[in-house]
Protein backbone atom coordinates (compact mmCIF):
# COMPACT_ATOMS: atom_id res chain seq x y z
CA MET A 1 94.61 62.53 134.75
CA ALA A 2 92.57 64.52 132.19
CA GLU A 3 89.61 64.76 134.56
CA LYS A 4 91.91 65.87 137.37
CA ILE A 5 93.29 68.68 135.23
CA LYS A 6 89.86 69.72 133.96
CA SER A 7 88.48 69.91 137.49
CA ALA A 8 91.57 71.50 139.04
CA ASP A 9 91.62 74.79 140.86
CA LYS A 10 90.80 77.46 138.27
CA ARG A 11 93.54 79.59 139.74
CA LEU A 12 96.01 77.02 138.44
CA VAL A 13 94.33 76.18 135.12
CA THR A 14 93.40 79.34 133.24
CA GLU A 15 90.72 79.29 130.58
CA ALA A 16 91.98 79.69 127.02
CA GLU A 17 90.62 79.95 123.49
CA THR A 18 91.97 80.19 119.97
CA SER A 19 91.83 83.38 117.93
CA ALA A 20 88.51 82.10 116.52
CA HIS A 21 87.12 81.81 120.08
CA ILE A 22 87.28 78.01 120.11
CA PRO A 23 87.76 76.92 123.75
CA VAL A 24 91.05 75.12 124.38
CA ASN A 25 91.25 72.38 126.99
CA PRO A 26 94.41 72.19 129.08
CA LEU A 27 94.90 68.58 127.94
CA TYR A 28 93.58 66.45 125.07
CA THR A 29 93.08 62.67 125.15
CA PRO A 30 91.40 60.01 122.94
CA ALA A 31 88.12 60.99 124.61
CA ASP A 32 88.21 64.26 122.64
CA LEU A 33 88.04 62.26 119.41
CA LYS A 34 85.28 59.90 120.50
CA GLY A 35 83.17 58.91 117.51
CA SER A 36 85.77 60.00 114.97
CA ASP A 37 86.72 57.64 112.15
CA TYR A 38 90.32 57.69 110.94
CA GLU A 39 89.64 56.35 107.44
CA SER A 40 86.86 58.79 106.53
CA GLU A 41 88.07 61.90 108.39
CA VAL A 42 91.87 61.70 108.31
CA GLY A 43 92.82 59.01 105.83
CA TYR A 44 95.98 59.08 103.75
CA PRO A 45 97.76 61.85 101.84
CA GLY A 46 96.83 62.01 98.18
CA GLU A 47 93.50 60.28 98.85
CA TYR A 48 89.98 61.57 99.51
CA PRO A 49 89.20 63.58 101.63
CA PHE A 50 92.80 64.90 101.40
CA THR A 51 92.91 65.98 105.05
CA ARG A 52 96.58 64.99 105.13
CA GLY A 53 97.54 66.64 101.83
CA VAL A 54 96.73 66.60 98.13
CA GLN A 55 99.84 64.67 97.07
CA ALA A 56 100.75 61.17 98.19
CA THR A 57 104.40 62.09 98.80
CA MET A 58 103.95 65.82 99.64
CA TYR A 59 107.35 67.42 100.37
CA ARG A 60 109.19 64.08 100.24
CA GLY A 61 108.55 64.29 96.51
CA ARG A 62 108.87 68.02 95.95
CA LEU A 63 109.13 71.05 98.19
CA TRP A 64 106.53 73.80 98.08
CA THR A 65 107.14 76.62 95.61
CA MET A 66 108.97 79.46 97.33
CA ARG A 67 107.57 82.75 96.11
CA GLN A 68 108.34 86.30 97.15
CA TYR A 69 105.64 88.86 96.37
CA ALA A 70 107.34 91.80 94.67
CA GLY A 71 106.61 94.77 92.46
CA MET A 72 107.64 98.40 92.83
CA GLY A 73 107.77 101.53 90.75
CA ASP A 74 108.12 100.72 87.08
CA ALA A 75 108.78 97.50 85.20
CA GLU A 76 112.57 97.89 85.12
CA GLU A 77 112.87 98.27 88.89
CA SER A 78 110.62 95.26 89.48
CA ASN A 79 112.56 93.21 86.93
CA LYS A 80 115.76 93.86 88.91
CA ARG A 81 114.09 92.60 92.10
CA TYR A 82 112.82 89.45 90.35
CA LYS A 83 116.28 88.63 89.07
CA TYR A 84 117.71 89.26 92.55
CA LEU A 85 115.17 86.87 94.10
CA LEU A 86 115.76 84.20 91.45
CA ALA A 87 119.49 84.46 92.02
CA ASN A 88 118.88 83.90 95.74
CA GLY A 89 116.84 80.75 95.31
CA THR A 90 113.20 81.72 94.92
CA THR A 91 111.41 79.12 92.80
CA GLY A 92 108.43 81.16 91.61
CA LEU A 93 107.63 84.80 90.90
CA SER A 94 104.75 86.68 92.50
CA VAL A 95 103.79 90.01 90.94
CA ALA A 96 102.35 92.93 92.90
CA PHE A 97 100.61 95.59 90.80
CA ASP A 98 99.98 99.22 91.71
CA LEU A 99 96.47 100.46 92.48
CA PRO A 100 95.81 102.14 89.09
CA THR A 101 96.61 98.84 87.33
CA GLN A 102 94.37 96.94 89.76
CA ILE A 103 91.34 99.13 89.04
CA GLY A 104 91.88 99.57 85.31
CA MET A 105 93.29 103.08 85.10
CA ASP A 106 96.31 104.10 83.06
CA SER A 107 99.16 105.88 84.81
CA ASP A 108 98.16 109.27 83.37
CA HIS A 109 94.56 109.05 84.61
CA PRO A 110 93.82 111.98 86.98
CA LEU A 111 92.79 109.58 89.77
CA ALA A 112 96.10 107.72 89.46
CA ALA A 113 98.12 110.74 90.58
CA GLY A 114 100.40 109.85 93.48
CA GLU A 115 99.64 106.13 93.27
CA VAL A 116 101.72 105.07 90.25
CA GLY A 117 104.15 102.33 91.26
CA LYS A 118 103.52 102.84 94.99
CA VAL A 119 102.21 99.46 96.17
CA GLY A 120 103.31 97.44 93.17
CA VAL A 121 104.47 97.74 89.60
CA ALA A 122 102.72 100.02 87.10
CA ILE A 123 101.63 98.15 83.95
CA ASP A 124 99.92 100.11 81.20
CA SER A 125 100.72 98.16 78.04
CA ILE A 126 102.41 95.18 76.43
CA GLU A 127 105.64 97.18 76.39
CA ASP A 128 105.59 97.44 80.20
CA MET A 129 104.93 93.71 80.48
CA GLU A 130 107.90 92.99 78.21
CA ARG A 131 110.14 95.14 80.38
CA LEU A 132 108.83 93.42 83.50
CA PHE A 133 109.95 89.98 82.30
CA ALA A 134 112.96 90.96 80.20
CA GLY A 135 115.61 88.24 80.41
CA ILE A 136 113.25 85.80 82.19
CA GLU A 137 112.14 82.76 80.18
CA LEU A 138 108.46 82.45 81.01
CA THR A 139 108.16 78.72 80.31
CA LYS A 140 110.91 78.03 82.86
CA ILE A 141 109.29 79.83 85.79
CA SER A 142 105.90 79.76 87.52
CA THR A 143 104.35 83.22 87.90
CA SER A 144 101.59 84.24 90.27
CA MET A 145 99.87 87.55 89.53
CA THR A 146 97.91 89.24 92.30
CA ILE A 147 95.31 90.89 90.10
CA ASN A 148 91.54 90.67 90.16
CA ALA A 149 89.26 93.16 88.42
CA THR A 150 91.72 93.45 85.51
CA GLY A 151 92.91 89.84 85.76
CA SER A 152 91.72 89.03 82.24
CA ILE A 153 93.81 91.88 80.79
CA LEU A 154 96.97 91.03 82.72
CA LEU A 155 96.74 87.34 81.78
CA ALA A 156 96.36 88.39 78.15
CA LEU A 157 99.43 90.62 78.48
CA TYR A 158 101.44 87.75 79.97
CA VAL A 159 100.42 85.40 77.15
CA ALA A 160 101.19 88.08 74.55
CA VAL A 161 104.70 88.57 75.96
CA ALA A 162 105.28 84.80 75.97
CA ARG A 163 104.27 84.74 72.30
CA ARG A 164 106.80 87.47 71.57
CA GLN A 165 109.43 85.34 73.30
CA GLY A 166 108.56 82.55 70.89
CA ALA A 167 107.26 80.36 73.70
CA ASP A 168 104.67 77.61 73.47
CA ILE A 169 101.95 79.22 75.61
CA ARG A 170 100.57 75.78 76.51
CA GLN A 171 103.68 75.36 78.66
CA LEU A 172 103.06 78.50 80.71
CA SER A 173 102.39 77.82 84.39
CA GLY A 174 101.22 80.09 87.15
CA THR A 175 98.16 81.67 88.67
CA VAL A 176 96.10 84.79 88.18
CA GLN A 177 94.29 85.66 91.40
CA ASN A 178 91.12 86.74 89.58
CA ASP A 179 88.94 86.55 92.71
CA VAL A 180 86.55 89.49 92.53
CA LEU A 181 84.13 88.32 95.21
CA LYS A 182 86.62 88.95 97.98
CA GLU A 183 87.12 92.46 96.53
CA TYR A 184 83.49 93.28 97.30
CA ILE A 185 83.95 91.76 100.76
CA ALA A 186 87.32 92.96 101.96
CA ARG A 187 89.56 94.93 99.58
CA GLY A 188 87.65 97.25 97.27
CA THR A 189 89.65 97.01 94.01
CA TYR A 190 86.61 96.03 91.97
CA ILE A 191 85.38 97.60 88.73
CA TYR A 192 82.26 95.89 87.39
CA PRO A 193 79.12 94.67 89.21
CA PRO A 194 79.43 91.10 90.55
CA ARG A 195 77.42 89.27 87.90
CA GLN A 196 79.23 90.91 85.00
CA ALA A 197 82.58 90.30 86.67
CA MET A 198 81.66 86.64 87.14
CA ARG A 199 80.90 86.38 83.43
CA VAL A 200 84.43 87.53 82.54
CA ILE A 201 85.86 84.99 84.99
CA THR A 202 83.98 82.07 83.47
CA ASP A 203 85.14 83.23 80.02
CA MET A 204 88.68 82.98 81.35
CA PHE A 205 88.05 79.47 82.66
CA SER A 206 87.03 78.13 79.26
CA TRP A 207 89.62 80.11 77.27
CA ALA A 208 92.54 79.11 79.52
CA LYS A 209 91.53 75.44 79.45
CA GLU A 210 92.11 75.44 75.71
CA LYS A 211 95.01 77.88 75.37
CA VAL A 212 97.02 77.71 78.64
CA PRO A 213 95.97 74.40 80.24
CA GLU A 214 98.68 74.49 82.95
CA TRP A 215 97.53 77.88 84.21
CA ASN A 216 95.46 78.26 87.39
CA THR A 217 92.74 80.64 86.29
CA ILE A 218 91.69 81.69 89.77
CA SER A 219 93.11 81.80 93.28
CA ILE A 220 90.11 81.93 95.57
CA SER A 221 91.37 84.10 98.37
CA GLY A 222 90.69 83.96 102.05
CA TYR A 223 93.88 85.89 102.71
CA HIS A 224 92.39 89.35 102.33
CA MET A 225 89.36 88.55 104.45
CA ARG A 226 91.71 87.47 107.23
CA GLU A 227 93.72 90.66 106.78
CA ALA A 228 90.45 92.60 107.13
CA GLY A 229 89.88 90.96 110.51
CA SER A 230 88.06 87.67 109.97
CA THR A 231 88.64 84.71 112.25
CA ALA A 232 90.17 81.44 111.05
CA VAL A 233 86.69 79.88 110.91
CA GLN A 234 85.30 82.78 108.86
CA GLU A 235 88.29 82.60 106.53
CA VAL A 236 87.54 78.95 105.75
CA ALA A 237 83.77 79.43 105.45
CA PHE A 238 83.77 82.55 103.29
CA THR A 239 86.61 81.34 101.06
CA LEU A 240 84.87 78.05 100.35
CA GLY A 241 81.59 79.94 99.92
CA ASN A 242 83.21 82.08 97.25
CA GLY A 243 84.63 78.94 95.67
CA MET A 244 81.17 77.43 95.46
CA ALA A 245 79.87 80.62 93.82
CA TYR A 246 82.54 80.40 91.10
CA VAL A 247 81.81 76.73 90.47
CA GLU A 248 78.07 77.46 90.22
CA ALA A 249 78.72 80.33 87.78
CA ALA A 250 80.89 78.12 85.59
CA ILE A 251 78.28 75.35 85.56
CA ARG A 252 75.61 77.91 84.58
CA ALA A 253 77.92 78.90 81.71
CA ARG A 254 77.70 75.24 80.60
CA LEU A 255 81.25 74.32 81.58
CA ASP A 256 81.77 70.77 82.74
CA VAL A 257 82.83 70.73 86.38
CA ASP A 258 85.58 68.18 85.82
CA GLN A 259 87.01 70.25 82.99
CA PHE A 260 87.64 73.45 84.99
CA ALA A 261 87.69 72.41 88.67
CA PRO A 262 91.18 70.82 88.59
CA ARG A 263 92.63 74.27 87.76
CA LEU A 264 90.96 76.05 90.68
CA SER A 265 93.40 77.11 93.38
CA PHE A 266 93.09 78.85 96.73
CA PHE A 267 95.01 81.45 98.73
CA PHE A 268 95.06 81.42 102.52
CA ASN A 269 96.57 83.45 105.31
CA ALA A 270 99.02 81.92 107.79
CA HIS A 271 98.29 83.69 111.06
CA SER A 272 99.94 83.48 114.47
CA ASN A 273 97.86 80.95 116.42
CA PHE A 274 100.12 78.14 115.28
CA LEU A 275 98.10 74.96 115.80
CA GLU A 276 94.80 76.61 114.87
CA GLU A 277 96.33 77.54 111.52
CA VAL A 278 97.56 73.99 110.89
CA ALA A 279 94.09 72.66 111.72
CA LYS A 280 92.48 75.33 109.52
CA PHE A 281 94.33 74.16 106.42
CA ARG A 282 93.45 70.53 107.10
CA ALA A 283 89.77 71.35 107.67
CA ALA A 284 89.56 73.44 104.49
CA ARG A 285 90.98 70.60 102.39
CA ARG A 286 88.53 68.09 103.80
CA MET A 287 85.54 70.38 103.40
CA TRP A 288 86.33 71.27 99.78
CA ALA A 289 86.77 67.61 98.86
CA ARG A 290 83.32 66.82 100.23
CA ILE A 291 81.73 69.88 98.64
CA MET A 292 83.08 69.02 95.21
CA ARG A 293 82.29 65.29 95.36
CA GLU A 294 78.98 65.37 97.18
CA HIS A 295 77.46 68.76 96.32
CA PHE A 296 78.77 69.32 92.78
CA LYS A 297 79.05 65.60 91.90
CA ALA A 298 82.53 65.98 90.44
CA LYS A 299 83.96 62.62 89.36
CA ASN A 300 87.62 63.51 88.75
CA PRO A 301 89.66 63.20 92.00
CA LYS A 302 91.66 66.25 90.89
CA SER A 303 88.43 68.25 91.11
CA TRP A 304 88.21 67.37 94.80
CA MET A 305 91.69 68.66 95.66
CA LEU A 306 92.08 72.00 97.43
CA ARG A 307 95.49 73.24 96.23
CA PHE A 308 96.56 76.46 97.88
CA HIS A 309 99.15 79.19 98.16
CA THR A 310 99.84 80.74 101.55
CA GLN A 311 101.15 84.11 102.61
CA THR A 312 102.16 84.97 106.13
CA ALA A 313 99.97 87.52 107.89
CA GLY A 314 100.74 91.09 106.92
CA SER A 315 98.28 92.39 109.50
CA THR A 316 100.36 90.92 112.33
CA LEU A 317 103.48 92.87 111.34
CA THR A 318 104.25 95.72 113.69
CA ALA A 319 106.06 99.01 113.15
CA GLN A 320 107.20 98.79 116.77
CA GLN A 321 110.27 96.55 117.21
CA PRO A 322 110.01 95.38 113.58
CA GLU A 323 112.71 92.74 114.08
CA ASN A 324 110.07 90.75 116.01
CA ASN A 325 108.31 90.31 112.67
CA ILE A 326 111.04 87.89 111.59
CA VAL A 327 109.97 85.56 114.40
CA ARG A 328 106.27 86.02 113.65
CA THR A 329 106.83 85.22 109.99
CA ALA A 330 108.88 82.10 110.79
CA ILE A 331 106.13 80.70 113.05
CA GLN A 332 103.43 81.46 110.47
CA ALA A 333 105.49 79.95 107.64
CA LEU A 334 106.03 76.76 109.62
CA ALA A 335 102.27 76.53 110.21
CA ALA A 336 101.70 76.75 106.46
CA VAL A 337 104.25 74.01 105.79
CA LEU A 338 102.87 71.70 108.46
CA GLY A 339 99.41 72.48 107.09
CA GLY A 340 100.43 71.26 103.62
CA THR A 341 100.66 74.37 101.44
CA GLN A 342 101.66 74.10 97.76
CA SER A 343 103.44 77.44 97.65
CA LEU A 344 104.41 80.07 100.16
CA HIS A 345 105.28 83.75 100.43
CA THR A 346 106.95 84.99 103.58
CA ASN A 347 106.53 88.65 104.50
CA SER A 348 109.56 90.82 105.08
CA PHE A 349 110.09 92.25 108.55
CA ASP A 350 109.97 95.88 107.36
CA GLU A 351 106.63 95.70 105.53
CA ALA A 352 104.78 97.52 108.31
CA LEU A 353 106.89 100.53 107.29
CA ALA A 354 107.38 100.30 103.51
CA LEU A 355 107.93 97.98 100.59
CA PRO A 356 110.72 95.56 101.56
CA THR A 357 114.38 96.28 101.03
CA GLU A 358 116.53 93.66 99.30
CA GLN A 359 118.02 92.61 102.63
CA ALA A 360 114.60 92.18 104.26
CA ALA A 361 113.31 90.22 101.26
CA ARG A 362 116.34 87.94 101.42
CA ILE A 363 115.76 87.23 105.13
CA ALA A 364 112.13 86.37 104.35
CA LEU A 365 113.21 83.95 101.63
CA ARG A 366 115.91 82.45 103.84
CA THR A 367 113.19 81.78 106.44
CA GLN A 368 111.52 79.38 104.00
CA GLN A 369 114.83 77.80 103.09
CA VAL A 370 115.73 77.18 106.73
CA ILE A 371 112.35 75.49 107.27
CA ALA A 372 112.82 73.41 104.12
CA TYR A 373 116.42 72.31 104.56
CA GLU A 374 117.20 72.55 108.28
CA SER A 375 114.06 72.07 110.39
CA GLY A 376 113.13 68.53 109.33
CA ALA A 377 109.49 69.62 108.93
CA ALA A 378 109.44 68.47 105.30
CA GLN A 379 110.78 64.99 105.98
CA THR A 380 107.45 63.36 106.77
CA ILE A 381 103.92 63.98 105.59
CA ASP A 382 101.43 65.75 107.87
CA PRO A 383 103.52 65.12 111.01
CA LEU A 384 100.86 66.54 113.34
CA ALA A 385 98.14 64.12 112.22
CA GLY A 386 96.86 62.06 115.11
CA SER A 387 97.48 64.79 117.65
CA TYR A 388 94.38 64.72 119.82
CA TYR A 389 94.35 68.52 119.90
CA VAL A 390 94.99 69.06 116.18
CA GLU A 391 92.36 66.53 115.14
CA ALA A 392 89.80 67.92 117.61
CA LEU A 393 90.53 71.45 116.41
CA THR A 394 90.26 70.39 112.77
CA ASN A 395 86.85 68.88 113.49
CA GLU A 396 85.65 71.97 115.36
CA ILE A 397 86.78 74.39 112.62
CA GLU A 398 84.98 72.27 110.03
CA LYS A 399 81.82 72.18 112.15
CA ARG A 400 81.74 75.94 112.69
CA ALA A 401 82.61 76.76 109.07
CA ALA A 402 79.85 74.43 107.88
CA GLU A 403 77.38 76.33 110.08
CA TYR A 404 78.35 79.55 108.29
CA LEU A 405 77.88 77.88 104.90
CA GLY A 406 74.44 76.73 106.03
CA LYS A 407 73.44 80.32 106.84
CA ILE A 408 74.75 81.50 103.46
CA GLU A 409 72.77 78.79 101.66
CA VAL A 410 69.57 79.95 103.37
CA MET A 411 70.29 83.50 102.12
CA GLY A 412 70.45 82.24 98.54
CA GLY A 413 74.20 81.80 98.14
CA MET A 414 77.35 83.83 98.45
CA LEU A 415 76.39 86.58 95.99
CA LYS A 416 73.20 87.26 97.91
CA ALA A 417 75.07 87.20 101.22
CA ILE A 418 77.58 89.73 99.88
CA GLU A 419 74.85 91.95 98.45
CA ARG A 420 73.09 91.94 101.82
CA GLY A 421 76.33 92.83 103.57
CA PHE A 422 76.23 89.73 105.78
CA VAL A 423 79.79 88.60 105.11
CA GLN A 424 81.19 92.12 105.45
CA GLN A 425 79.37 92.63 108.76
CA GLU A 426 80.63 89.37 110.23
CA ILE A 427 84.21 90.29 109.39
CA GLN A 428 83.80 93.82 110.74
CA ASN A 429 82.43 92.45 114.01
CA ALA A 430 85.37 90.06 114.38
CA ALA A 431 87.88 92.82 113.60
CA TYR A 432 86.28 95.12 116.17
CA GLU A 433 86.31 92.42 118.84
CA TYR A 434 89.99 91.75 118.27
CA GLN A 435 90.94 95.42 118.36
CA GLN A 436 89.04 95.82 121.61
CA ALA A 437 90.95 92.86 123.04
CA VAL A 438 94.27 94.47 122.01
CA ASP A 439 93.25 97.84 123.42
CA HIS A 440 92.27 96.28 126.75
CA GLY A 441 95.39 94.12 126.91
CA ASP A 442 93.45 90.85 126.69
CA ALA A 443 95.21 90.01 123.42
CA VAL A 444 98.95 90.50 123.74
CA VAL A 445 100.94 91.97 120.84
CA VAL A 446 104.59 91.80 121.81
CA GLY A 447 106.25 95.19 121.58
CA VAL A 448 102.92 97.01 121.14
CA ASN A 449 100.81 96.57 124.26
CA ARG A 450 103.35 94.60 126.30
CA PHE A 451 107.15 94.45 126.40
CA GLU A 452 107.49 97.89 124.82
CA VAL A 453 110.76 99.78 124.63
CA GLU A 454 111.14 103.52 125.11
CA ALA A 455 113.38 104.26 122.16
CA GLU A 456 113.86 102.36 118.92
CA LYS A 457 116.61 102.57 116.37
CA ALA A 458 115.40 103.47 112.89
CA ILE A 459 115.86 100.79 110.22
CA PRO A 460 116.55 101.47 106.53
CA ILE A 461 113.41 101.39 104.38
CA GLN A 462 112.75 101.08 100.67
CA LYS A 463 111.80 104.34 98.94
CA ILE A 464 110.25 104.65 95.50
CA ASP A 465 111.95 107.23 93.30
CA ALA A 466 109.51 110.11 92.76
CA ALA A 467 110.81 110.44 89.18
CA LEU A 468 109.31 107.06 88.22
CA GLU A 469 105.71 108.35 88.02
CA PRO A 470 106.30 111.11 85.42
CA LYS A 471 108.55 108.70 83.50
CA GLN A 472 105.75 106.10 83.39
CA ILE A 473 103.22 108.72 82.30
CA GLU A 474 105.51 109.84 79.51
CA ARG A 475 105.88 106.25 78.32
CA VAL A 476 102.17 105.53 78.05
CA ARG A 477 101.53 108.80 76.23
CA ALA A 478 104.39 108.11 73.80
CA LEU A 479 102.91 104.65 73.11
CA ARG A 480 99.54 106.13 72.23
CA ALA A 481 101.15 108.65 69.90
CA ARG A 482 103.08 106.10 67.81
CA ARG A 483 100.77 103.06 67.62
CA ASP A 484 98.80 102.22 64.50
CA ALA A 485 95.32 103.65 65.13
CA GLY A 486 93.46 101.30 62.77
CA PRO A 487 94.15 97.95 64.47
CA TRP A 488 93.97 99.57 67.91
CA LYS A 489 90.48 101.03 67.36
CA SER A 490 89.21 97.83 65.76
CA ALA A 491 90.53 95.65 68.58
CA LEU A 492 89.01 97.87 71.28
CA GLN A 493 85.68 97.84 69.49
CA GLY A 494 85.91 94.06 69.44
CA VAL A 495 86.18 94.01 73.24
CA GLU A 496 83.17 96.28 73.62
CA ASP A 497 81.11 94.30 71.10
CA ALA A 498 81.90 91.01 72.87
CA ALA A 499 80.92 92.48 76.23
CA GLN A 500 77.65 93.67 74.71
CA SER A 501 76.77 90.52 72.78
CA GLY A 502 77.76 87.92 75.34
CA ALA A 503 80.55 86.53 73.15
CA HIS A 504 83.77 85.40 74.80
CA VAL A 505 85.86 88.41 75.74
CA MET A 506 89.27 86.77 76.24
CA PRO A 507 90.22 86.39 72.54
CA ARG A 508 89.26 90.05 72.00
CA ILE A 509 91.26 91.22 75.00
CA LEU A 510 94.32 89.34 73.74
CA ALA A 511 93.92 90.94 70.30
CA ALA A 512 93.61 94.36 71.95
CA VAL A 513 96.78 94.10 74.04
CA GLU A 514 98.68 92.90 70.96
CA ALA A 515 97.38 95.98 69.12
CA TYR A 516 98.89 98.16 71.89
CA ALA A 517 95.63 99.00 73.64
CA THR A 518 96.32 99.98 77.24
CA VAL A 519 94.97 98.41 80.42
CA GLY A 520 92.80 101.48 81.09
CA GLU A 521 91.39 101.55 77.55
CA ILE A 522 90.40 97.87 77.62
CA ALA A 523 88.86 98.23 81.09
CA ASP A 524 86.93 101.28 79.87
CA ALA A 525 85.59 99.36 76.86
CA MET A 526 83.97 96.90 79.27
CA ARG A 527 82.94 99.68 81.68
CA ARG A 528 80.85 101.22 78.91
CA VAL A 529 78.82 98.01 78.73
CA PHE A 530 78.95 96.59 82.26
CA GLY A 531 78.93 99.80 84.29
CA GLU A 532 80.69 100.10 87.65
CA TYR A 533 79.91 98.60 91.02
CA ARG A 534 78.89 100.83 93.90
CA GLU A 535 79.58 99.46 97.35
CA ALA A 536 76.71 98.56 99.64
CA VAL A 537 77.07 100.46 102.91
CA VAL A 538 77.28 98.22 105.96
CA ILE A 539 76.45 99.89 109.28
């Protein structure tokens, strides 16, 4: 039957491929898995190579953490949204920071004008962080912070606030994204040159292992590369390549691989090609397990596990017929669940227009809850395993991603590949190809280039109060005026001295935030030593 279909009239059987240009047969049979070995390639959940999941019981034991990414205006407004989400059943917080906070500028910096609180919450000091989590017991909730260049400062602020709450900081759980390599590749919110930034990250690894052992000190992020236009294969390859670079940097800093690797986590995109996404997650898990055991010689099975958070694809959301985004998000979320994610954020349908309203955020959260409690998807582990198509696609994604990693190795590793612009160029090429396909109608976007409507009804959108920016500026200036100058100056000098001498910076950063130094001041102390990165132009 398979041969009959494959050789049928091409007018009846159209050619197809995934979003990563992997050809798709009209029918899959055992012949497509010839030579495959179940035990070594698929295996069992909770066992090497973890293709079927990192936990033996997966969602039969515990559902994924349901997070909703949120942050807007100032700390009080964001705090209200967090409490709203917690009241509606979210099981973990996910903090979005504004651009000045992400690049280490205080709210009254001239370059921050017009950006304060616009794409996330503005955090300048320990007082802002206290307001952000007022009335939320930090040891009772897991918090993910999407912050990179200033990740060390924001983690210190979080720990300092927990101390003020009287909490045992060893019980804090959560993740700081802290992935600067993808900033050079796809986002641009970097501060320091790569090697200096990597030094701060490895300092965080060792400090957190001792002080906050339940904290994930990095979330190695393919999400943003996918948002920039990468394919599923590139997302796997470049994310794991970045992961290898972090592991190598930590080993060079004399950290034992089995001491820090179990706290590494990853962050992937859930895109719209449903079965390709499921296969992508399975391939990434298997590849990382082999990389850690065979390449880095890790002995602890927890070091082999690829634990990851997933967010649905913001780049697929459309301003046209935005209600369609609810359907897109549901399909993408189900792919993440069937792919074995550990936590999940679902985008709100109005995010192509503005930050989400409360109603839109609630619908996004309810999408996860419907999948968890009504769909039956969580009742068995890796239910798509054994599908001839899914297993063949998993194998093909792994093969193609491994080819990319081979090229990167020849270049001298991920840092060299980034410095040469190779990774950036590959993503740019993929993004251009996709946009051309949309423009020519070869790739269908429902409501955009097919099935359009002439007139659309406006939907309510979230608006940030313009008065919040001057209010935030007034706060940070008032803080500077009343703080004790002696401890503040001494603590800032400690940060600069540590950056200069090579001493660990994290204890100094924590002392500085507790002495009321601001995010911008601490970032500037390291800028004076490390300098700033200037982007390589890719043509």
